[in-house]
Amino acid sequence: MVKSFGCYDGWYEVKGGLRKYIQNSIHGGRVYLNPKIALKENHKSFQDYDGVSLYPSAMYRLCKEKGIPIGKINLITSKDFLGYDWYIVRIKITKINKIQDIPLIGIKNSDGVIKYSNDIPTEILYVDKITLEDLINFNQIEYEFIDGIYWNEGYNKKLGELILNLHTARKKYKKDNPPKAEMIKLIMNSIYGKTIQRSFEIKTVIKDLDSYENYIFNNLGLLMGHHVYDKYCKIKLKSYDETYGLNYIGGMILSMSKRQMNEVFDIA
């Protein structure tokens, strides 16, 4: 559907080291509880705010304001990169001039857990255009530029048109045909999910002798080899990184969805 609608026109898939560089700029969603109210009993009423179709709305807003960058990816050779259509850069934050009650700066530790803090990170950060703009806008950061990549050949806005059509259809079927509406919701979220698939390292799986054959059958396309021992079977699966991906587009969608939340956090 996405390809036939023209959304893929001008997109370049990536793999290997370039894909890994981009992947470092992608952080998952967040759950945050203000420490001021954590572990405290409160008998007052609460209002729960939830974004409607957060990822589809992020895709629509991306294409309404700019679009998905097209063309080849280039290496940034100048510190004057802020005007490029899209970029992903490594930076070192040197100063934070505005503190947020709900911190926006997220650092991923060795366990993959993201910690949000108002402290100046000691780590080098990988950030895309939206994330850097938000850090400048909401935290008024100062930073040192290290290196980066950029796109600067225009945009494809077709994804926004497709999402608007799907969202309108879902709204129509919500009352008359809920299963169909739910299917459309899954399609919209899958458009995002497909682009953000990340590569997997080679992994080893241990299965008991009663279940290993069935596991091998279900994972035959990834099988690199296996060895049967007295009480178990050791199975080796290959990496997905032999294929190309569009993780920079998934990262854009995720960053725009965070911006929509950051705007509310900033007001709060």
Protein backbone atom coordinates (compact mmCIF):
# COMPACT_ATOMS: atom_id res chain seq x y z
CA MET A 1 0.00 0.00 0.00
CA VAL A 2 2.70 2.49 1.04
CA LYS A 3 4.82 1.73 -2.01
CA SER A 4 1.96 1.77 -4.52
CA PHE A 5 0.76 5.14 -3.16
CA GLY A 6 4.14 6.66 -4.02
CA CYS A 7 5.35 7.13 -0.43
CA TYR A 8 8.63 5.31 -1.16
CA ASP A 9 9.55 7.48 -4.16
CA GLY A 10 12.97 9.01 -3.52
CA TRP A 11 13.63 7.08 -0.31
CA TYR A 12 17.03 5.41 0.03
CA GLU A 13 17.37 2.31 2.21
CA VAL A 14 20.45 1.88 4.41
CA LYS A 15 22.46 -0.99 5.88
CA GLY A 16 25.66 -1.79 7.77
CA GLY A 17 27.59 0.97 9.51
CA LEU A 18 25.32 3.72 8.22
CA ARG A 19 22.24 1.95 9.55
CA LYS A 20 23.96 1.47 12.92
CA TYR A 21 24.94 5.17 13.09
CA ILE A 22 21.31 6.16 12.47
CA GLN A 23 20.03 3.58 14.96
CA ASN A 24 22.01 5.26 17.75
CA SER A 25 19.77 8.32 17.37
CA ILE A 26 16.58 6.33 17.90
CA HIS A 27 15.17 5.99 21.40
CA GLY A 28 11.87 4.34 22.25
CA GLY A 29 8.87 5.90 23.94
CA ARG A 30 8.85 6.97 27.55
CA VAL A 31 6.89 6.50 30.76
CA TYR A 32 7.46 9.24 33.32
CA LEU A 33 6.14 9.98 36.78
CA ASN A 34 7.02 13.31 38.37
CA PRO A 35 9.13 12.59 41.50
CA LYS A 36 7.12 15.27 43.34
CA ILE A 37 4.10 12.94 43.44
CA ALA A 38 5.81 9.55 43.31
CA LEU A 39 4.88 7.14 46.13
CA LYS A 40 2.47 9.67 47.62
CA GLU A 41 -1.19 9.08 48.37
CA ASN A 42 -3.51 11.52 46.61
CA HIS A 43 -7.31 11.52 46.85
CA LYS A 44 -7.85 14.28 44.32
CA SER A 45 -9.13 13.57 40.80
CA PHE A 46 -6.73 13.15 37.88
CA GLN A 47 -7.15 13.95 34.20
CA ASP A 48 -5.60 11.47 31.78
CA TYR A 49 -4.49 13.05 28.51
CA ASP A 50 -3.86 10.69 25.63
CA GLY A 51 -2.82 11.57 22.09
CA VAL A 52 -5.21 10.17 19.48
CA SER A 53 -3.31 7.91 17.07
CA LEU A 54 0.03 9.32 18.19
CA TYR A 55 2.25 7.74 15.51
CA PRO A 56 -0.18 8.32 12.62
CA SER A 57 -0.64 11.93 13.77
CA ALA A 58 3.15 12.30 13.87
CA MET A 59 3.40 11.01 10.28
CA TYR A 60 0.71 13.43 9.15
CA ARG A 61 2.33 16.39 10.93
CA LEU A 62 5.75 15.51 9.52
CA CYS A 63 4.42 15.68 5.98
CA LYS A 64 2.27 18.74 6.62
CA GLU A 65 5.19 20.76 7.99
CA LYS A 66 7.99 19.29 5.84
CA GLY A 67 7.89 15.75 4.52
CA ILE A 68 10.11 12.67 4.38
CA PRO A 69 13.60 13.54 3.04
CA ILE A 70 14.49 12.08 -0.34
CA GLY A 71 17.78 11.60 -2.15
CA LYS A 72 21.19 10.37 -1.14
CA ILE A 73 22.74 10.70 2.30
CA ASN A 74 25.81 12.90 2.59
CA LEU A 75 28.54 13.47 5.17
CA ILE A 76 28.36 16.82 6.96
CA THR A 77 31.57 18.76 6.31
CA SER A 78 30.57 22.09 7.87
CA LYS A 79 29.14 23.14 11.23
CA ASP A 80 26.53 25.14 9.31
CA PHE A 81 24.08 22.23 8.99
CA LEU A 82 20.95 23.44 10.78
CA GLY A 83 19.26 24.48 7.52
CA TYR A 84 19.52 21.07 5.85
CA ASP A 85 16.28 19.21 5.09
CA TRP A 86 17.19 16.49 7.57
CA TYR A 87 20.25 15.45 9.52
CA ILE A 88 21.51 13.13 12.23
CA VAL A 89 24.51 14.35 14.20
CA ARG A 90 26.69 13.57 17.18
CA ILE A 91 26.90 16.36 19.74
CA LYS A 92 28.35 17.04 23.17
CA ILE A 93 26.08 19.15 25.39
CA THR A 94 28.15 21.79 27.20
CA LYS A 95 25.43 23.79 28.94
CA ILE A 96 21.72 23.58 29.82
CA ASN A 97 20.19 27.02 30.27
CA LYS A 98 16.59 25.98 30.97
CA ILE A 99 15.59 23.24 33.42
CA GLN A 100 12.42 21.24 32.81
CA ASP A 101 10.32 19.74 35.63
CA ILE A 102 9.75 16.85 33.23
CA PRO A 103 13.26 16.31 31.76
CA LEU A 104 13.61 15.84 28.01
CA ILE A 105 17.25 14.75 27.77
CA GLY A 106 17.38 10.96 27.67
CA ILE A 107 20.50 8.84 28.13
CA LYS A 108 20.46 5.09 27.46
CA ASN A 109 22.52 3.02 29.91
CA SER A 110 24.29 -0.28 29.22
CA ASP A 111 21.09 -2.21 29.99
CA GLY A 112 19.17 -0.27 27.36
CA VAL A 113 17.14 1.68 29.94
CA ILE A 114 16.69 5.38 29.16
CA LYS A 115 17.13 7.80 32.05
CA TYR A 116 15.81 11.35 31.68
CA SER A 117 17.68 14.05 33.54
CA ASN A 118 18.44 17.77 33.67
CA ASP A 119 22.13 17.05 34.28
CA ILE A 120 24.66 17.72 31.52
CA PRO A 121 25.37 14.30 29.97
CA THR A 122 28.94 13.05 29.99
CA GLU A 123 28.10 10.90 26.97
CA ILE A 124 28.15 11.96 23.33
CA LEU A 125 24.58 12.08 22.01
CA TYR A 126 23.26 11.02 18.61
CA VAL A 127 20.34 13.31 17.74
CA ASP A 128 18.26 14.01 14.64
CA LYS A 129 16.97 17.36 13.44
CA ILE A 130 13.75 17.37 15.48
CA THR A 131 15.47 16.21 18.67
CA LEU A 132 18.19 18.85 18.42
CA GLU A 133 15.64 21.57 17.69
CA ASP A 134 13.63 20.49 20.74
CA LEU A 135 16.71 20.50 22.98
CA ILE A 136 17.52 24.01 21.80
CA ASN A 137 13.92 25.19 22.14
CA PHE A 138 12.88 23.53 25.40
CA ASN A 139 16.22 23.24 27.24
CA GLN A 140 18.12 26.07 25.53
CA ILE A 141 21.21 23.86 25.33
CA GLU A 142 24.66 24.83 24.14
CA TYR A 143 26.63 22.11 22.40
CA GLU A 144 29.70 21.10 20.43
CA PHE A 145 29.18 19.50 17.01
CA ILE A 146 31.23 16.36 16.34
CA ASP A 147 30.07 14.83 13.05
CA GLY A 148 26.93 13.87 11.15
CA ILE A 149 25.05 12.99 7.99
CA TYR A 150 22.39 14.91 6.09
CA TRP A 151 19.70 14.85 3.38
CA ASN A 152 19.08 17.97 1.29
CA GLU A 153 17.25 17.05 -1.92
CA GLY A 154 13.68 17.90 -0.95
CA TYR A 155 10.78 15.95 0.53
CA ASN A 156 8.14 13.38 -0.32
CA LYS A 157 4.79 14.25 1.32
CA LYS A 158 2.77 11.26 0.08
CA LEU A 159 2.87 9.48 3.45
CA GLY A 160 0.86 12.30 5.01
CA GLU A 161 -1.86 11.97 2.36
CA LEU A 162 -2.07 8.20 2.85
CA ILE A 163 -2.30 8.50 6.65
CA LEU A 164 -5.04 11.14 6.38
CA ASN A 165 -7.05 8.84 4.08
CA LEU A 166 -6.63 5.90 6.47
CA HIS A 167 -7.46 7.98 9.55
CA THR A 168 -10.60 9.33 7.88
CA ALA A 169 -11.65 5.80 6.96
CA ARG A 170 -11.01 4.55 10.49
CA LYS A 171 -13.12 7.36 11.94
CA LYS A 172 -15.94 6.42 9.56
CA TYR A 173 -15.89 2.72 10.48
CA LYS A 174 -15.49 3.15 14.27
CA LYS A 175 -19.27 2.99 14.81
CA ASP A 176 -20.45 0.99 11.80
CA ASN A 177 -17.69 -1.62 11.58
CA PRO A 178 -15.35 -1.67 14.65
CA PRO A 179 -13.28 -4.68 13.45
CA LYS A 180 -12.52 -2.88 10.19
CA ALA A 181 -11.63 0.28 12.11
CA GLU A 182 -9.26 -1.73 14.29
CA MET A 183 -7.65 -3.25 11.21
CA ILE A 184 -7.03 0.22 9.76
CA LYS A 185 -5.46 1.26 13.07
CA LEU A 186 -3.08 -1.71 12.87
CA ILE A 187 -2.19 -0.81 9.27
CA MET A 188 -1.32 2.77 10.28
CA ASN A 189 0.84 1.65 13.20
CA SER A 190 2.49 -1.03 11.07
CA ILE A 191 3.59 1.58 8.54
CA TYR A 192 5.63 3.14 11.34
CA GLY A 193 6.72 -0.17 12.84
CA LYS A 194 8.02 -1.54 9.54
CA THR A 195 10.35 1.43 9.02
CA ILE A 196 11.87 1.22 12.49
CA GLN A 197 12.84 -2.45 12.41
CA ARG A 198 16.35 -2.66 13.79
CA SER A 199 19.09 -5.11 13.01
CA PHE A 200 19.72 -7.99 15.37
CA GLU A 201 23.05 -9.43 16.41
CA ILE A 202 23.73 -13.13 15.96
CA LYS A 203 22.13 -14.89 18.88
CA THR A 204 22.24 -18.35 20.45
CA VAL A 205 19.09 -20.08 21.67
CA ILE A 206 18.97 -23.13 23.95
CA LYS A 207 16.01 -25.53 23.53
CA ASP A 208 15.20 -28.84 25.16
CA LEU A 209 15.15 -32.00 23.06
CA ASP A 210 11.34 -32.09 22.88
CA SER A 211 10.95 -28.65 21.30
CA TYR A 212 14.09 -27.82 19.31
CA GLU A 213 12.94 -29.35 16.00
CA ASN A 214 9.75 -27.29 15.98
CA TYR A 215 11.72 -24.13 16.84
CA ILE A 216 14.17 -24.77 13.97
CA PHE A 217 11.27 -25.29 11.56
CA ASN A 218 9.67 -21.97 12.58
CA ASN A 219 12.98 -20.08 12.28
CA LEU A 220 14.48 -21.82 9.25
CA GLY A 221 15.14 -18.56 7.38
CA LEU A 222 17.45 -17.33 10.15
CA LEU A 223 19.16 -20.61 10.99
CA MET A 224 22.97 -20.60 10.88
CA GLY A 225 23.46 -23.96 12.53
CA HIS A 226 22.62 -26.13 15.53
CA HIS A 227 24.19 -28.80 17.71
CA VAL A 228 22.33 -31.48 19.65
CA TYR A 229 23.74 -32.44 23.04
CA ASP A 230 22.59 -35.07 25.56
CA LYS A 231 19.91 -32.91 27.20
CA TYR A 232 19.52 -29.82 24.99
CA CYS A 233 20.08 -28.29 21.55
CA LYS A 234 22.11 -25.13 20.92
CA ILE A 235 20.76 -23.13 17.97
CA LYS A 236 22.58 -20.27 16.24
CA LEU A 237 20.54 -17.65 14.35
CA LYS A 238 21.91 -15.10 11.88
CA SER A 239 21.56 -11.32 11.94
CA TYR A 240 18.90 -9.31 10.12
CA ASP A 241 21.54 -6.74 9.17
CA GLU A 242 22.14 -8.43 5.82
CA THR A 243 19.04 -6.60 4.60
CA TYR A 244 18.38 -2.92 4.04
CA GLY A 245 16.14 -0.75 6.23
CA LEU A 246 14.47 2.63 6.56
CA ASN A 247 15.21 3.25 10.23
CA TYR A 248 15.83 6.98 9.72
CA ILE A 249 12.18 7.37 8.68
CA GLY A 250 10.98 5.46 11.74
CA GLY A 251 13.25 7.69 13.81
CA MET A 252 11.67 10.81 12.29
CA ILE A 253 8.18 9.60 13.16
CA LEU A 254 9.24 8.74 16.70
CA SER A 255 10.93 12.13 17.18
CA MET A 256 7.85 13.99 15.95
CA SER A 257 5.64 12.00 18.33
CA LYS A 258 7.99 13.01 21.16
CA ARG A 259 7.81 16.64 20.07
CA GLN A 260 4.03 16.50 20.38
CA MET A 261 4.48 15.30 23.97
CA ASN A 262 7.36 17.68 24.71
CA GLU A 263 5.15 20.64 23.81
CA VAL A 264 2.66 19.53 26.46
CA PHE A 265 5.43 18.77 29.00
CA ASP A 266 6.91 22.23 28.47
CA ILE A 267 3.58 23.89 29.24
CA ALA A 268 3.08 21.63 32.27
